[in-house]
């Protein structure tokens, strides 16, 4: 059985959908709540290495909209993105699902089915 860890914020709809999907498929998981324990730099660097910072950085969410004006003339790169994700964990796309040294970012039933149901 694979070990699944879901990272996110408990009241996020995408995170709730990931919980529901895992429960429906009888997959055990642990939950890492960013509100209680923020992501750290080594974790973010590791995730960026696996999927790229662009996949992790949520430019569609409220947090980015609130701070984007400050960075409108700044070139957004991995270093700055990681700094912003450290300062504002809610800017990390949710959920991030870790398993077998891999990750899935966001809610995607097809990916869950193909990667988590082996």
N, C-alpha and C. Protein backbone atom coordinates (compact mmCIF):
# COMPACT_ATOMS: atom_id res chain seq x y z
N UNK A 1 0.84 -1.19 0.00
CA UNK A 1 0.00 0.00 0.00
C UNK A 1 0.89 1.25 0.00
N UNK A 2 0.52 2.21 -0.83
CA UNK A 2 1.32 3.44 -0.89
C UNK A 2 0.95 4.36 0.27
N UNK A 3 1.94 5.16 0.67
CA UNK A 3 1.73 6.15 1.72
C UNK A 3 1.39 7.48 1.03
N UNK A 4 0.23 8.01 1.36
CA UNK A 4 -0.24 9.24 0.74
C UNK A 4 -0.30 10.34 1.79
N UNK A 5 0.24 11.49 1.43
CA UNK A 5 0.17 12.65 2.32
C UNK A 5 -0.45 13.79 1.51
N UNK A 6 -1.53 14.36 2.04
CA UNK A 6 -2.22 15.46 1.37
C UNK A 6 -1.86 16.76 2.09
N UNK A 7 -1.38 17.74 1.34
CA UNK A 7 -1.02 19.05 1.88
C UNK A 7 -2.04 20.07 1.41
N UNK A 8 -2.45 20.94 2.32
CA UNK A 8 -3.39 21.98 1.93
C UNK A 8 -4.02 22.67 3.12
N UNK A 9 -5.17 23.22 2.88
CA UNK A 9 -5.95 23.95 3.88
C UNK A 9 -7.29 23.22 4.00
N UNK A 10 -7.72 22.88 5.20
CA UNK A 10 -8.89 22.01 5.35
C UNK A 10 -10.19 22.53 4.76
N UNK A 11 -10.37 23.84 4.68
CA UNK A 11 -11.64 24.36 4.15
C UNK A 11 -11.60 24.59 2.64
N UNK A 12 -10.51 24.21 1.98
CA UNK A 12 -10.38 24.35 0.52
C UNK A 12 -11.21 23.27 -0.16
N UNK A 13 -12.04 23.66 -1.13
CA UNK A 13 -12.90 22.71 -1.83
C UNK A 13 -12.11 21.63 -2.56
N UNK A 14 -10.99 21.99 -3.17
CA UNK A 14 -10.18 20.99 -3.88
C UNK A 14 -9.58 19.97 -2.92
N UNK A 15 -9.19 20.44 -1.75
CA UNK A 15 -8.65 19.53 -0.73
C UNK A 15 -9.76 18.59 -0.25
N UNK A 16 -10.95 19.14 -0.03
CA UNK A 16 -12.09 18.31 0.40
C UNK A 16 -12.41 17.25 -0.66
N UNK A 17 -12.32 17.63 -1.94
CA UNK A 17 -12.57 16.67 -3.02
C UNK A 17 -11.51 15.56 -3.00
N UNK A 18 -10.26 15.93 -2.72
CA UNK A 18 -9.19 14.92 -2.65
C UNK A 18 -9.44 13.96 -1.48
N UNK A 19 -9.87 14.50 -0.34
CA UNK A 19 -10.23 13.64 0.81
C UNK A 19 -11.32 12.66 0.39
N UNK A 20 -12.37 13.21 -0.22
CA UNK A 20 -13.51 12.38 -0.63
C UNK A 20 -13.08 11.30 -1.61
N UNK A 21 -12.25 11.67 -2.60
CA UNK A 21 -11.79 10.70 -3.59
C UNK A 21 -11.00 9.58 -2.91
N UNK A 22 -10.08 9.93 -2.03
CA UNK A 22 -9.29 8.91 -1.32
C UNK A 22 -10.19 8.03 -0.46
N UNK A 23 -11.14 8.64 0.23
CA UNK A 23 -12.06 7.87 1.07
C UNK A 23 -12.91 6.91 0.22
N UNK A 24 -13.41 7.39 -0.91
CA UNK A 24 -14.23 6.54 -1.80
C UNK A 24 -13.43 5.35 -2.32
N UNK A 25 -12.13 5.55 -2.53
CA UNK A 25 -11.28 4.48 -3.06
C UNK A 25 -10.53 3.75 -1.95
N UNK A 26 -10.94 4.01 -0.71
CA UNK A 26 -10.40 3.33 0.46
C UNK A 26 -8.87 3.45 0.55
N UNK A 27 -8.37 4.63 0.25
CA UNK A 27 -6.94 4.90 0.37
C UNK A 27 -6.68 5.67 1.66
N UNK A 28 -5.76 5.19 2.44
CA UNK A 28 -5.40 5.89 3.68
C UNK A 28 -4.45 7.03 3.36
N UNK A 29 -4.60 8.11 4.09
CA UNK A 29 -3.74 9.28 3.88
C UNK A 29 -3.58 10.02 5.20
N UNK A 30 -2.54 10.84 5.23
CA UNK A 30 -2.38 11.78 6.33
C UNK A 30 -2.53 13.18 5.74
N UNK A 31 -2.91 14.11 6.58
CA UNK A 31 -3.15 15.47 6.12
C UNK A 31 -2.18 16.42 6.79
N UNK A 32 -1.57 17.27 5.99
CA UNK A 32 -0.67 18.32 6.48
C UNK A 32 -1.37 19.65 6.26
N UNK A 33 -1.75 20.28 7.34
CA UNK A 33 -2.50 21.54 7.31
C UNK A 33 -1.54 22.73 7.29
N UNK A 34 -1.50 23.46 6.18
CA UNK A 34 -0.62 24.63 6.07
C UNK A 34 -0.91 25.68 7.14
N UNK A 35 -2.14 25.77 7.58
CA UNK A 35 -2.50 26.78 8.58
C UNK A 35 -1.82 26.50 9.92
N UNK A 36 -1.62 25.22 10.22
CA UNK A 36 -1.00 24.85 11.49
C UNK A 36 0.51 24.66 11.36
N UNK A 37 0.94 24.18 10.20
CA UNK A 37 2.35 23.92 9.97
C UNK A 37 2.70 24.27 8.52
N UNK A 38 3.22 25.47 8.30
CA UNK A 38 3.51 25.92 6.93
C UNK A 38 4.53 25.02 6.23
N UNK A 39 4.47 25.03 4.91
CA UNK A 39 5.47 24.32 4.10
C UNK A 39 6.83 24.96 4.36
N UNK A 40 7.89 24.16 4.30
CA UNK A 40 9.22 24.72 4.51
C UNK A 40 10.00 24.77 3.19
N UNK A 41 11.13 25.42 3.24
CA UNK A 41 11.89 25.68 2.01
C UNK A 41 12.39 24.39 1.36
N UNK A 42 12.83 23.42 2.15
CA UNK A 42 13.33 22.18 1.53
C UNK A 42 12.20 21.44 0.82
N UNK A 43 11.01 21.46 1.40
CA UNK A 43 9.85 20.83 0.79
C UNK A 43 9.51 21.52 -0.54
N UNK A 44 9.45 22.84 -0.51
CA UNK A 44 9.11 23.59 -1.72
C UNK A 44 10.15 23.38 -2.82
N UNK A 45 11.43 23.37 -2.45
CA UNK A 45 12.48 23.14 -3.45
C UNK A 45 12.35 21.74 -4.05
N UNK A 46 12.06 20.77 -3.20
CA UNK A 46 11.88 19.39 -3.68
C UNK A 46 10.70 19.31 -4.63
N UNK A 47 9.58 19.92 -4.28
CA UNK A 47 8.41 19.90 -5.14
C UNK A 47 8.69 20.60 -6.46
N UNK A 48 9.39 21.74 -6.40
CA UNK A 48 9.72 22.47 -7.63
C UNK A 48 10.59 21.62 -8.54
N UNK A 49 11.48 20.85 -7.96
CA UNK A 49 12.33 19.96 -8.75
C UNK A 49 11.48 18.90 -9.46
N UNK A 50 10.42 18.44 -8.79
CA UNK A 50 9.57 17.39 -9.37
C UNK A 50 8.62 17.90 -10.44
N UNK A 51 8.00 19.08 -10.22
CA UNK A 51 6.96 19.55 -11.15
C UNK A 51 7.16 20.97 -11.67
N UNK A 52 8.18 21.66 -11.17
CA UNK A 52 8.39 23.05 -11.58
C UNK A 52 7.58 24.01 -10.71
N UNK A 53 8.13 25.18 -10.46
CA UNK A 53 7.46 26.13 -9.57
C UNK A 53 6.14 26.62 -10.15
N UNK A 54 6.06 26.67 -11.48
CA UNK A 54 4.85 27.18 -12.12
C UNK A 54 3.63 26.31 -11.80
N UNK A 55 3.84 25.01 -11.63
CA UNK A 55 2.74 24.10 -11.30
C UNK A 55 2.27 24.31 -9.85
N UNK A 56 3.14 24.76 -8.99
CA UNK A 56 2.81 24.94 -7.58
C UNK A 56 2.25 26.32 -7.25
N UNK A 57 2.62 27.30 -8.04
CA UNK A 57 2.29 28.70 -7.74
C UNK A 57 0.92 29.05 -8.29
N UNK A 58 -0.01 29.36 -7.42
CA UNK A 58 -1.40 29.61 -7.81
C UNK A 58 -1.63 31.09 -8.13
N UNK A 59 -1.61 31.42 -9.41
CA UNK A 59 -1.86 32.80 -9.84
C UNK A 59 -3.34 33.10 -9.99
N UNK A 60 -4.21 32.10 -9.79
CA UNK A 60 -5.64 32.32 -9.94
C UNK A 60 -6.34 32.59 -8.61
N UNK A 61 -5.64 32.40 -7.52
CA UNK A 61 -6.26 32.51 -6.20
C UNK A 61 -6.29 33.92 -5.64
N UNK A 62 -7.00 34.05 -4.56
CA UNK A 62 -7.17 35.33 -3.87
C UNK A 62 -5.85 35.89 -3.37
N UNK A 63 -5.00 35.03 -2.83
CA UNK A 63 -3.73 35.50 -2.27
C UNK A 63 -2.89 36.21 -3.32
N UNK A 64 -2.76 35.60 -4.50
CA UNK A 64 -1.98 36.24 -5.57
C UNK A 64 -2.62 37.55 -5.99
N UNK A 65 -3.93 37.56 -6.11
CA UNK A 65 -4.61 38.80 -6.51
C UNK A 65 -4.34 39.92 -5.51
N UNK A 66 -4.24 39.57 -4.23
CA UNK A 66 -4.00 40.58 -3.20
C UNK A 66 -2.58 41.14 -3.24
N UNK A 67 -1.61 40.32 -3.64
CA UNK A 67 -0.21 40.77 -3.60
C UNK A 67 0.39 41.02 -4.99
N UNK A 68 -0.29 40.65 -6.05
CA UNK A 68 0.30 40.71 -7.39
C UNK A 68 0.67 42.13 -7.83
N UNK A 69 -0.08 43.11 -7.41
CA UNK A 69 0.23 44.50 -7.80
C UNK A 69 1.64 44.89 -7.37
N UNK A 70 2.04 44.43 -6.21
CA UNK A 70 3.38 44.72 -5.69
C UNK A 70 4.47 44.13 -6.59
N UNK A 71 4.15 43.04 -7.30
CA UNK A 71 5.14 42.33 -8.10
C UNK A 71 4.92 42.47 -9.61
N UNK A 72 4.06 43.39 -10.02
CA UNK A 72 3.69 43.48 -11.44
C UNK A 72 4.86 43.80 -12.35
N UNK A 73 5.87 44.51 -11.85
CA UNK A 73 7.03 44.85 -12.67
C UNK A 73 8.24 43.98 -12.34
N UNK A 74 8.01 42.88 -11.63
CA UNK A 74 9.09 41.99 -11.20
C UNK A 74 9.02 40.70 -12.00
N UNK A 75 10.17 40.24 -12.43
CA UNK A 75 10.24 38.96 -13.13
C UNK A 75 10.05 37.85 -12.11
N UNK A 76 8.99 37.10 -12.27
CA UNK A 76 8.70 36.01 -11.35
C UNK A 76 9.49 34.78 -11.78
N UNK A 77 10.37 34.33 -10.91
CA UNK A 77 11.17 33.15 -11.19
C UNK A 77 11.05 32.18 -10.00
N UNK A 78 11.74 31.06 -10.08
CA UNK A 78 11.62 30.05 -9.03
C UNK A 78 12.03 30.59 -7.66
N UNK A 79 13.12 31.32 -7.59
CA UNK A 79 13.59 31.84 -6.31
C UNK A 79 12.54 32.75 -5.66
N UNK A 80 12.00 33.69 -6.42
CA UNK A 80 10.98 34.59 -5.89
C UNK A 80 9.70 33.83 -5.58
N UNK A 81 9.33 32.91 -6.44
CA UNK A 81 8.10 32.12 -6.21
C UNK A 81 8.20 31.34 -4.90
N UNK A 82 9.36 30.73 -4.65
CA UNK A 82 9.54 29.99 -3.40
C UNK A 82 9.45 30.94 -2.21
N UNK A 83 10.08 32.10 -2.31
CA UNK A 83 9.99 33.10 -1.22
C UNK A 83 8.54 33.47 -0.95
N UNK A 84 7.78 33.71 -2.01
CA UNK A 84 6.37 34.09 -1.85
C UNK A 84 5.54 32.94 -1.29
N UNK A 85 5.84 31.71 -1.71
CA UNK A 85 5.10 30.56 -1.18
C UNK A 85 5.43 30.33 0.29
N UNK A 86 6.67 30.63 0.70
CA UNK A 86 7.03 30.51 2.11
C UNK A 86 6.30 31.55 2.96
N UNK A 87 6.20 32.76 2.43
CA UNK A 87 5.52 33.84 3.15
C UNK A 87 4.00 33.68 3.15
N UNK A 88 3.47 33.08 2.09
CA UNK A 88 2.02 32.96 1.90
C UNK A 88 1.69 31.54 1.44
N UNK A 89 1.63 30.60 2.38
CA UNK A 89 1.37 29.20 2.00
C UNK A 89 0.08 29.04 1.21
N UNK A 90 -0.85 29.96 1.37
CA UNK A 90 -2.11 29.83 0.64
C UNK A 90 -1.96 30.11 -0.85
N UNK A 91 -0.78 30.53 -1.28
CA UNK A 91 -0.53 30.75 -2.71
C UNK A 91 -0.08 29.45 -3.39
N UNK A 92 0.15 28.41 -2.60
CA UNK A 92 0.51 27.10 -3.16
C UNK A 92 -0.77 26.43 -3.65
N UNK A 93 -0.75 25.96 -4.90
CA UNK A 93 -1.93 25.26 -5.44
C UNK A 93 -2.25 24.08 -4.54
N UNK A 94 -3.54 23.82 -4.42
CA UNK A 94 -3.99 22.76 -3.52
C UNK A 94 -4.91 21.79 -4.24
N UNK A 95 -4.88 20.59 -3.74
CA UNK A 95 -3.94 20.00 -2.79
C UNK A 95 -2.63 19.61 -3.48
N UNK A 96 -1.61 19.41 -2.66
CA UNK A 96 -0.39 18.76 -3.13
C UNK A 96 -0.43 17.37 -2.49
N UNK A 97 -0.34 16.36 -3.31
CA UNK A 97 -0.39 14.99 -2.82
C UNK A 97 0.97 14.34 -3.05
N UNK A 98 1.60 13.95 -1.96
CA UNK A 98 2.90 13.27 -2.01
C UNK A 98 2.68 11.77 -1.88
N UNK A 99 3.39 11.00 -2.69
CA UNK A 99 3.36 9.54 -2.61
C UNK A 99 4.54 8.99 -3.39
N UNK A 100 5.17 7.96 -2.88
CA UNK A 100 6.26 7.27 -3.58
C UNK A 100 7.26 8.23 -4.22
N UNK A 101 7.67 9.26 -3.50
CA UNK A 101 8.64 10.26 -4.00
C UNK A 101 8.14 11.01 -5.23
N UNK A 102 6.82 11.08 -5.40
CA UNK A 102 6.19 11.84 -6.49
C UNK A 102 5.16 12.77 -5.88
N UNK A 103 4.66 13.70 -6.70
CA UNK A 103 3.57 14.55 -6.25
C UNK A 103 2.56 14.76 -7.38
N UNK A 104 1.34 15.03 -6.95
CA UNK A 104 0.29 15.50 -7.85
C UNK A 104 -0.16 16.84 -7.28
N UNK A 105 -0.27 17.84 -8.14
CA UNK A 105 -0.70 19.17 -7.70
C UNK A 105 -2.10 19.43 -8.24
N UNK A 106 -3.01 19.76 -7.33
CA UNK A 106 -4.38 20.05 -7.71
C UNK A 106 -5.26 18.82 -7.66
N UNK A 107 -6.54 19.06 -7.89
CA UNK A 107 -7.50 17.95 -7.90
C UNK A 107 -7.68 17.48 -9.33
N UNK A 108 -7.31 16.24 -9.59
CA UNK A 108 -7.40 15.67 -10.94
C UNK A 108 -7.72 14.19 -10.82
N UNK A 109 -8.99 13.83 -10.97
CA UNK A 109 -9.43 12.45 -10.80
C UNK A 109 -8.69 11.48 -11.71
N UNK A 110 -8.45 11.87 -12.96
CA UNK A 110 -7.76 10.97 -13.89
C UNK A 110 -6.34 10.67 -13.42
N UNK A 111 -5.63 11.69 -12.97
CA UNK A 111 -4.28 11.47 -12.43
C UNK A 111 -4.34 10.63 -11.17
N UNK A 112 -5.28 10.92 -10.30
CA UNK A 112 -5.42 10.12 -9.07
C UNK A 112 -5.63 8.66 -9.44
N UNK A 113 -6.53 8.42 -10.38
CA UNK A 113 -6.85 7.05 -10.78
C UNK A 113 -5.61 6.35 -11.34
N UNK A 114 -4.88 7.03 -12.21
CA UNK A 114 -3.74 6.39 -12.86
C UNK A 114 -2.51 6.27 -11.95
N UNK A 115 -2.36 7.19 -11.01
CA UNK A 115 -1.14 7.18 -10.19
C UNK A 115 -1.33 6.63 -8.77
N UNK A 116 -2.51 6.77 -8.22
CA UNK A 116 -2.71 6.36 -6.83
C UNK A 116 -3.37 4.99 -6.69
N UNK A 117 -3.98 4.50 -7.74
CA UNK A 117 -4.72 3.24 -7.66
C UNK A 117 -3.93 2.06 -8.25
N UNK A 118 -2.64 2.06 -8.10
CA UNK A 118 -1.80 0.97 -8.64
C UNK A 118 -1.74 -0.18 -7.66
